[in-house]
Amino acid sequence: MKAVGFNTSLPISEAKSFIDVDIDKPVPGSHDLLVKVNAVSVNPVDFKIRQNSAKNTVLEQPKIIGWDAAGVVEAVGSAVTLFAVGDAVYYAGDITKPGSNAEYQLIDERIVGRKPGTLSDEAAAAIPLTALTAWEIFFDRMRLSPERDRNKTLLIIGGAGGVGSIAIQLAKKVLGLHVIATASRPETNEWCKKMGADLVVNHRNLVDEVRNAGFQYVDYIVDFVDINAYWDTLAELIKPQGHIASITGSASPVALNKLKSKSVSFSWELMFTRSTFQTDDMIEQHHILNRVADLLDAGVLETTLTQTLHGLSADTLKQAHAQLESGTTIGKLVISF
């Protein structure tokens, strides 16, 4: 089967940063689905792994990445119970296994959802990784609920990116929060408002922007950009006994002592935790994706797709990664096969 991968980590401008390869079509294990991939989307995790997973080395076998896909089940493993051949599915994948930049992919049924029936493959492929991330950060890490938290304030750092775009929608339309999102360009400002943000503020002068809007503190903060770059600002803006959560990681320790006087909680979120560690509740991602599909089909949520490229090729992947690395992408970029 055709796939796109790399043998070494190179800048995206290099000719061999991605290469076209032919590899064997995989055979499903007991809990696997073999999916014919129709569309994928590109996330920051893609280019970070391309940049770092094969530094100063040449892999014997090309590494296939890609975490987000929509397609159709072509074959199932002997223990599969959730899906059948011919089912349309979408999923975000498993970082420990070959990715979706290929004609076919094996994926554990427990982290797969039914594709929203009202969406095209391209529109559906934009959703899984970011929706799972936002859902887990709100419901599993921060334990928010519409009954307890409706009308409380949430500050989203990075509102126009992939995760921010779906997080705004979940926070506003499912949790009923008062959503403040950060953006710095007219087009990102408008996008955040389109997604449902009540207020958009400029991240370059965040404390003054939030307080001039009438908020001394905010109940909750989620960071989708750079936790340490904003840490002092977040520690200042968070309400006593509030909660901060982040997906961005940090090369240096986060100064949690700055939250002590306010008794503020802090959480990390990584969407790949459940599949990486085969957690007892791994099947929750199947349930979350189905619930998100229901919300999309009901019109409560909308796709965050903003740009579509065409063709499974090294050239297309290079174009997609260059766009994401520019830091100017709004919503999600999808590649249709």
Protein backbone atom coordinates (compact mmCIF):
# COMPACT_ATOMS: atom_id res chain seq x y z
CA MET A 1 0.00 0.00 0.00
CA LYS A 2 1.03 3.61 -0.48
CA ALA A 3 2.17 5.67 2.51
CA VAL A 4 4.14 8.81 3.33
CA GLY A 5 6.86 8.74 5.97
CA PHE A 6 10.43 9.76 6.77
CA ASN A 7 13.72 8.09 7.66
CA THR A 8 15.30 10.99 9.50
CA SER A 9 14.20 14.27 11.09
CA LEU A 10 14.75 17.13 8.66
CA PRO A 11 13.45 20.68 8.24
CA ILE A 12 10.27 20.66 6.19
CA SER A 13 12.06 22.60 3.43
CA GLU A 14 14.35 19.60 2.79
CA ALA A 15 13.50 17.31 -0.13
CA LYS A 16 13.48 14.17 2.02
CA SER A 17 11.62 15.58 5.02
CA PHE A 18 8.82 13.33 3.74
CA ILE A 19 9.14 10.49 1.26
CA ASP A 20 6.62 8.41 -0.69
CA VAL A 21 6.89 4.71 0.21
CA ASP A 22 5.22 1.40 -0.56
CA ILE A 23 4.75 -0.87 2.46
CA ASP A 24 2.85 -4.05 3.21
CA LYS A 25 -0.85 -3.70 3.91
CA PRO A 26 -1.28 -4.57 7.62
CA VAL A 27 -3.33 -7.45 9.00
CA PRO A 28 -5.64 -6.73 11.96
CA GLY A 29 -4.95 -8.20 15.38
CA SER A 30 -7.75 -9.33 17.67
CA HIS A 31 -9.10 -5.89 18.65
CA ASP A 32 -7.99 -4.05 15.49
CA LEU A 33 -9.94 -2.48 12.68
CA LEU A 34 -8.31 -2.23 9.28
CA VAL A 35 -9.48 1.14 8.00
CA LYS A 36 -9.33 2.43 4.44
CA VAL A 37 -8.31 6.02 5.15
CA ASN A 38 -10.18 8.68 3.15
CA ALA A 39 -9.02 11.88 4.87
CA VAL A 40 -6.61 12.97 7.61
CA SER A 41 -5.97 16.22 9.43
CA VAL A 42 -2.66 17.62 10.58
CA ASN A 43 -1.93 18.68 14.16
CA PRO A 44 1.06 20.30 15.90
CA VAL A 45 1.94 16.88 17.34
CA ASP A 46 2.62 15.70 13.77
CA PHE A 47 5.35 18.20 13.01
CA LYS A 48 6.83 17.99 16.51
CA ILE A 49 7.29 14.23 16.14
CA ARG A 50 8.62 14.63 12.60
CA GLN A 51 11.16 17.16 13.89
CA ASN A 52 12.32 15.16 16.91
CA SER A 53 11.73 11.40 16.62
CA ALA A 54 14.62 10.62 14.25
CA LYS A 55 17.17 13.31 15.02
CA ASN A 56 20.76 12.50 14.05
CA THR A 57 19.78 9.00 12.93
CA VAL A 58 18.47 7.20 9.87
CA LEU A 59 15.68 4.72 10.53
CA GLU A 60 15.82 1.33 8.84
CA GLN A 61 12.08 1.47 8.18
CA PRO A 62 10.28 4.73 7.36
CA LYS A 63 8.24 6.18 10.21
CA ILE A 64 4.58 6.75 9.31
CA ILE A 65 2.90 9.46 11.37
CA GLY A 66 -0.53 11.09 11.36
CA TRP A 67 -3.12 11.35 14.15
CA ASP A 68 -6.62 12.05 12.91
CA ALA A 69 -8.48 10.13 10.24
CA ALA A 70 -11.85 9.35 8.73
CA GLY A 71 -12.46 6.27 6.65
CA VAL A 72 -14.27 2.97 6.24
CA VAL A 73 -13.68 -0.35 8.01
CA GLU A 74 -12.35 -2.92 5.51
CA ALA A 75 -11.57 -5.82 7.89
CA VAL A 76 -11.88 -6.57 11.61
CA GLY A 77 -9.96 -8.65 14.15
CA SER A 78 -11.36 -11.79 15.76
CA ALA A 79 -12.39 -10.06 19.02
CA VAL A 80 -13.93 -6.91 17.52
CA THR A 81 -17.49 -6.22 18.73
CA LEU A 82 -18.02 -2.48 18.24
CA PHE A 83 -17.78 -2.22 14.44
CA ALA A 84 -18.34 -4.22 11.28
CA VAL A 85 -16.92 -4.15 7.77
CA GLY A 86 -18.34 -1.17 5.88
CA ASP A 87 -18.79 1.09 8.91
CA ALA A 88 -17.73 4.72 8.49
CA VAL A 89 -15.44 5.72 11.36
CA TYR A 90 -13.25 8.53 12.68
CA TYR A 91 -10.48 8.51 15.27
CA ALA A 92 -7.29 10.17 16.55
CA GLY A 93 -5.05 7.12 16.78
CA ASP A 94 -2.29 5.84 19.01
CA ILE A 95 1.07 7.60 19.18
CA THR A 96 2.89 4.31 19.78
CA LYS A 97 1.76 2.79 16.45
CA PRO A 98 2.01 3.64 12.74
CA GLY A 99 -0.11 6.64 11.84
CA SER A 100 -2.78 7.59 9.34
CA ASN A 101 -0.65 8.98 6.50
CA ALA A 102 -1.26 5.78 4.55
CA GLU A 103 -3.91 4.12 2.42
CA TYR A 104 -4.79 1.71 5.24
CA GLN A 105 -4.30 1.81 9.00
CA LEU A 106 -4.77 -0.56 11.92
CA ILE A 107 -6.55 0.99 14.88
CA ASP A 108 -7.85 -0.46 18.17
CA GLU A 109 -11.65 -0.39 18.11
CA ARG A 110 -11.75 1.06 21.64
CA ILE A 111 -10.41 4.43 20.47
CA VAL A 112 -12.61 4.69 17.37
CA GLY A 113 -15.98 6.39 16.99
CA ARG A 114 -18.72 6.30 14.36
CA LYS A 115 -18.21 9.04 11.79
CA PRO A 116 -20.83 11.80 12.09
CA GLY A 117 -23.38 11.03 9.41
CA THR A 118 -23.93 14.67 8.48
CA LEU A 119 -20.24 15.39 7.82
CA SER A 120 -17.99 14.62 4.88
CA ASP A 121 -14.83 12.60 5.49
CA GLU A 122 -12.85 15.84 5.35
CA ALA A 123 -15.05 17.65 7.87
CA ALA A 124 -15.02 14.63 10.18
CA ALA A 125 -11.24 14.12 9.99
CA ALA A 126 -10.76 17.63 11.41
CA ILE A 127 -12.39 16.68 14.71
CA PRO A 128 -11.11 13.63 16.66
CA LEU A 129 -7.79 14.63 18.26
CA THR A 130 -8.88 18.13 19.19
CA ALA A 131 -12.34 17.09 20.40
CA LEU A 132 -10.92 14.29 22.55
CA THR A 133 -8.34 16.69 23.98
CA ALA A 134 -10.88 19.38 24.81
CA TRP A 135 -13.42 16.88 26.17
CA GLU A 136 -10.86 15.17 28.40
CA ILE A 137 -9.46 18.45 29.70
CA PHE A 138 -12.91 19.73 30.67
CA PHE A 139 -14.66 16.58 31.86
CA ASP A 140 -11.88 14.20 32.97
CA ARG A 141 -9.16 16.55 34.25
CA MET A 142 -11.08 19.62 35.47
CA ARG A 143 -14.31 17.72 36.27
CA LEU A 144 -16.53 20.50 34.97
CA SER A 145 -20.29 20.06 34.62
CA PRO A 146 -23.09 22.22 33.22
CA GLU A 147 -25.10 21.77 36.42
CA ARG A 148 -22.36 23.14 38.69
CA ASP A 149 -20.35 25.44 36.42
CA ARG A 150 -22.84 27.14 34.10
CA ASN A 151 -22.07 30.86 33.69
CA LYS A 152 -18.67 30.57 35.38
CA THR A 153 -15.76 32.15 33.51
CA LEU A 154 -13.25 30.25 31.36
CA LEU A 155 -10.16 31.77 29.76
CA ILE A 156 -8.83 29.88 26.73
CA ILE A 157 -5.23 30.63 25.74
CA GLY A 158 -5.11 30.07 21.98
CA GLY A 159 -8.72 30.23 20.87
CA ALA A 160 -8.29 30.03 17.09
CA GLY A 161 -6.13 26.89 16.91
CA GLY A 162 -7.42 23.38 16.41
CA VAL A 163 -8.03 22.53 20.06
CA GLY A 164 -9.15 26.06 20.93
CA SER A 165 -11.75 26.07 18.15
CA ILE A 166 -13.58 22.99 19.45
CA ALA A 167 -12.92 23.86 23.10
CA ILE A 168 -14.76 27.17 22.68
CA GLN A 169 -17.76 25.29 21.31
CA LEU A 170 -17.81 22.64 24.05
CA ALA A 171 -17.34 25.22 26.78
CA LYS A 172 -20.08 27.49 25.50
CA LYS A 173 -22.64 25.12 23.99
CA VAL A 174 -22.30 22.08 26.27
CA LEU A 175 -21.00 23.44 29.58
CA GLY A 176 -22.66 26.87 29.41
CA LEU A 177 -19.52 28.73 30.50
CA HIS A 178 -18.78 32.41 29.85
CA VAL A 179 -15.89 31.99 27.40
CA ILE A 180 -12.99 34.41 27.04
CA ALA A 181 -10.56 33.45 24.27
CA THR A 182 -7.22 34.93 23.26
CA ALA A 183 -6.39 36.00 19.70
CA SER A 184 -4.23 38.74 18.21
CA ARG A 185 -5.29 39.15 14.56
CA PRO A 186 -8.60 40.39 13.13
CA GLU A 187 -9.20 37.05 11.37
CA THR A 188 -8.48 34.96 14.50
CA ASN A 189 -10.62 37.31 16.57
CA GLU A 190 -13.55 36.80 14.20
CA TRP A 191 -13.02 33.02 14.13
CA CYS A 192 -13.18 32.79 17.93
CA LYS A 193 -16.43 34.74 17.92
CA LYS A 194 -17.79 32.47 15.19
CA MET A 195 -16.97 29.44 17.37
CA GLY A 196 -18.97 30.99 20.22
CA ALA A 197 -16.57 33.01 22.40
CA ASP A 198 -18.30 35.69 24.47
CA LEU A 199 -15.19 37.85 24.56
CA VAL A 200 -11.89 37.84 22.67
CA VAL A 201 -8.82 39.46 24.21
CA ASN A 202 -5.28 40.07 22.97
CA HIS A 203 -2.75 37.72 24.55
CA ARG A 204 0.01 40.35 24.38
CA ASN A 205 -1.43 42.35 27.29
CA LEU A 206 -3.59 39.72 28.88
CA VAL A 207 -4.01 40.86 32.49
CA ASP A 208 -5.06 44.38 31.50
CA GLU A 209 -7.27 43.09 28.68
CA VAL A 210 -9.18 40.74 30.98
CA ARG A 211 -9.50 43.24 33.82
CA ASN A 212 -10.51 46.11 31.55
CA ALA A 213 -13.31 43.82 30.35
CA GLY A 214 -14.59 43.62 33.93
CA PHE A 215 -13.03 40.39 35.23
CA GLN A 216 -10.65 40.63 38.18
CA TYR A 217 -10.26 36.85 38.15
CA VAL A 218 -11.52 33.94 36.05
CA ASP A 219 -12.77 30.62 37.44
CA TYR A 220 -10.92 28.38 34.99
CA ILE A 221 -8.04 28.65 32.51
CA VAL A 222 -6.92 26.23 29.80
CA ASP A 223 -3.62 26.71 27.95
CA PHE A 224 -3.20 25.53 24.37
CA VAL A 225 -0.09 27.58 23.51
CA ASP A 226 2.83 27.64 26.00
CA ILE A 227 2.28 27.11 29.71
CA ASN A 228 5.51 28.66 30.99
CA ALA A 229 5.32 31.67 28.69
CA TYR A 230 1.97 32.58 30.27
CA TRP A 231 2.47 31.15 33.76
CA ASP A 232 2.85 34.36 35.77
CA THR A 233 -0.12 35.88 33.95
CA LEU A 234 -2.30 32.82 34.58
CA ALA A 235 -1.32 32.70 38.24
CA GLU A 236 -2.38 36.32 38.53
CA LEU A 237 -5.72 35.93 36.71
CA ILE A 238 -6.94 32.65 38.17
CA LYS A 239 -9.58 32.92 40.85
CA PRO A 240 -8.76 31.56 44.32
CA GLN A 241 -9.65 27.84 44.39
CA GLY A 242 -9.80 27.83 40.61
CA HIS A 243 -8.30 25.33 38.17
CA ILE A 244 -5.69 25.66 35.41
CA ALA A 245 -5.04 22.93 32.83
CA SER A 246 -2.61 22.68 29.94
CA ILE A 247 -1.76 20.46 26.98
CA THR A 248 1.51 22.11 25.99
CA GLY A 249 4.17 20.55 28.20
CA SER A 250 7.27 22.37 29.36
CA ALA A 251 11.02 22.03 28.92
CA SER A 252 11.50 23.50 32.39
CA PRO A 253 9.57 22.90 35.63
CA VAL A 254 6.28 24.73 36.09
CA ALA A 255 6.38 26.92 39.22
CA LEU A 256 3.39 25.38 40.98
CA ASN A 257 4.28 27.20 44.21
CA LYS A 258 2.81 30.33 42.63
CA LEU A 259 -0.64 28.72 42.96
CA LYS A 260 -0.33 27.80 46.63
CA SER A 261 -1.69 30.96 48.22
CA LYS A 262 -4.85 30.68 46.10
CA SER A 263 -5.23 26.89 46.58
CA VAL A 264 -5.45 26.55 42.78
CA SER A 265 -5.47 23.11 41.13
CA PHE A 266 -3.38 22.28 38.05
CA SER A 267 -3.76 19.44 35.53
CA TRP A 268 -1.95 18.14 32.47
CA GLU A 269 -3.88 16.63 29.59
CA LEU A 270 -2.49 14.30 26.92
CA MET A 271 -5.00 12.64 24.64
CA PHE A 272 -2.64 9.71 24.00
CA THR A 273 -2.43 8.64 27.67
CA ARG A 274 -5.25 6.12 27.46
CA SER A 275 -3.94 4.30 24.38
CA THR A 276 -0.25 4.54 25.35
CA PHE A 277 -0.82 2.91 28.74
CA GLN A 278 -3.78 0.74 27.71
CA THR A 279 -5.72 2.15 30.67
CA ASP A 280 -8.71 0.31 32.11
CA ASP A 281 -10.99 3.03 30.76
CA MET A 282 -9.45 3.17 27.27
CA ILE A 283 -12.88 2.58 25.73
CA GLU A 284 -13.95 6.00 27.02
CA GLN A 285 -12.47 7.50 23.85
CA HIS A 286 -14.88 5.40 21.81
CA HIS A 287 -17.77 6.77 23.90
CA ILE A 288 -16.51 10.37 23.73
CA LEU A 289 -16.16 10.27 19.95
CA ASN A 290 -19.69 8.89 19.61
CA ARG A 291 -21.07 11.63 21.88
CA VAL A 292 -19.21 14.27 19.86
CA ALA A 293 -20.63 12.71 16.67
CA ASP A 294 -24.13 13.03 18.13
CA LEU A 295 -23.49 16.71 18.95
CA LEU A 296 -22.17 17.36 15.45
CA ASP A 297 -25.12 15.60 13.83
CA ALA A 298 -27.52 17.57 16.03
CA GLY A 299 -25.90 20.86 14.98
CA VAL A 300 -24.77 21.72 18.51
CA LEU A 301 -21.12 21.55 17.41
CA GLU A 302 -19.69 22.35 13.98
CA THR A 303 -16.58 21.16 12.20
CA THR A 304 -13.43 23.26 12.56
CA LEU A 305 -12.22 22.47 9.03
CA THR A 306 -10.88 25.58 7.28
CA GLN A 307 -8.52 24.28 4.56
CA THR A 308 -8.38 21.11 2.44
CA LEU A 309 -5.42 19.78 0.47
CA HIS A 310 -5.67 16.81 -1.88
CA GLY A 311 -3.65 13.65 -2.41
CA LEU A 312 -1.64 11.20 -0.33
CA SER A 313 1.88 12.31 -1.27
CA ALA A 314 5.10 13.60 0.24
CA ASP A 315 4.56 16.95 -1.47
CA THR A 316 1.10 17.37 0.08
CA LEU A 317 2.37 16.48 3.56
CA LYS A 318 5.25 18.95 3.17
CA GLN A 319 2.79 21.69 2.27
CA ALA A 320 0.57 20.84 5.26
CA HIS A 321 3.46 20.76 7.74
CA ALA A 322 4.90 24.02 6.42
CA GLN A 323 1.51 25.65 6.92
CA LEU A 324 1.19 24.38 10.49
CA GLU A 325 4.76 25.30 11.38
CA SER A 326 4.06 28.88 10.27
CA GLY A 327 1.88 29.32 13.36
CA THR A 328 -0.84 31.09 11.38
CA THR A 329 -3.30 28.22 10.85
CA ILE A 330 -6.88 28.91 11.93
CA GLY A 331 -9.01 25.89 12.78
CA LYS A 332 -7.93 22.63 11.08
CA LEU A 333 -6.14 21.72 7.86
CA VAL A 334 -7.24 18.43 6.25
CA ILE A 335 -5.78 16.27 3.49
CA SER A 336 -8.27 14.32 1.37
CA PHE A 337 -7.02 11.11 -0.23
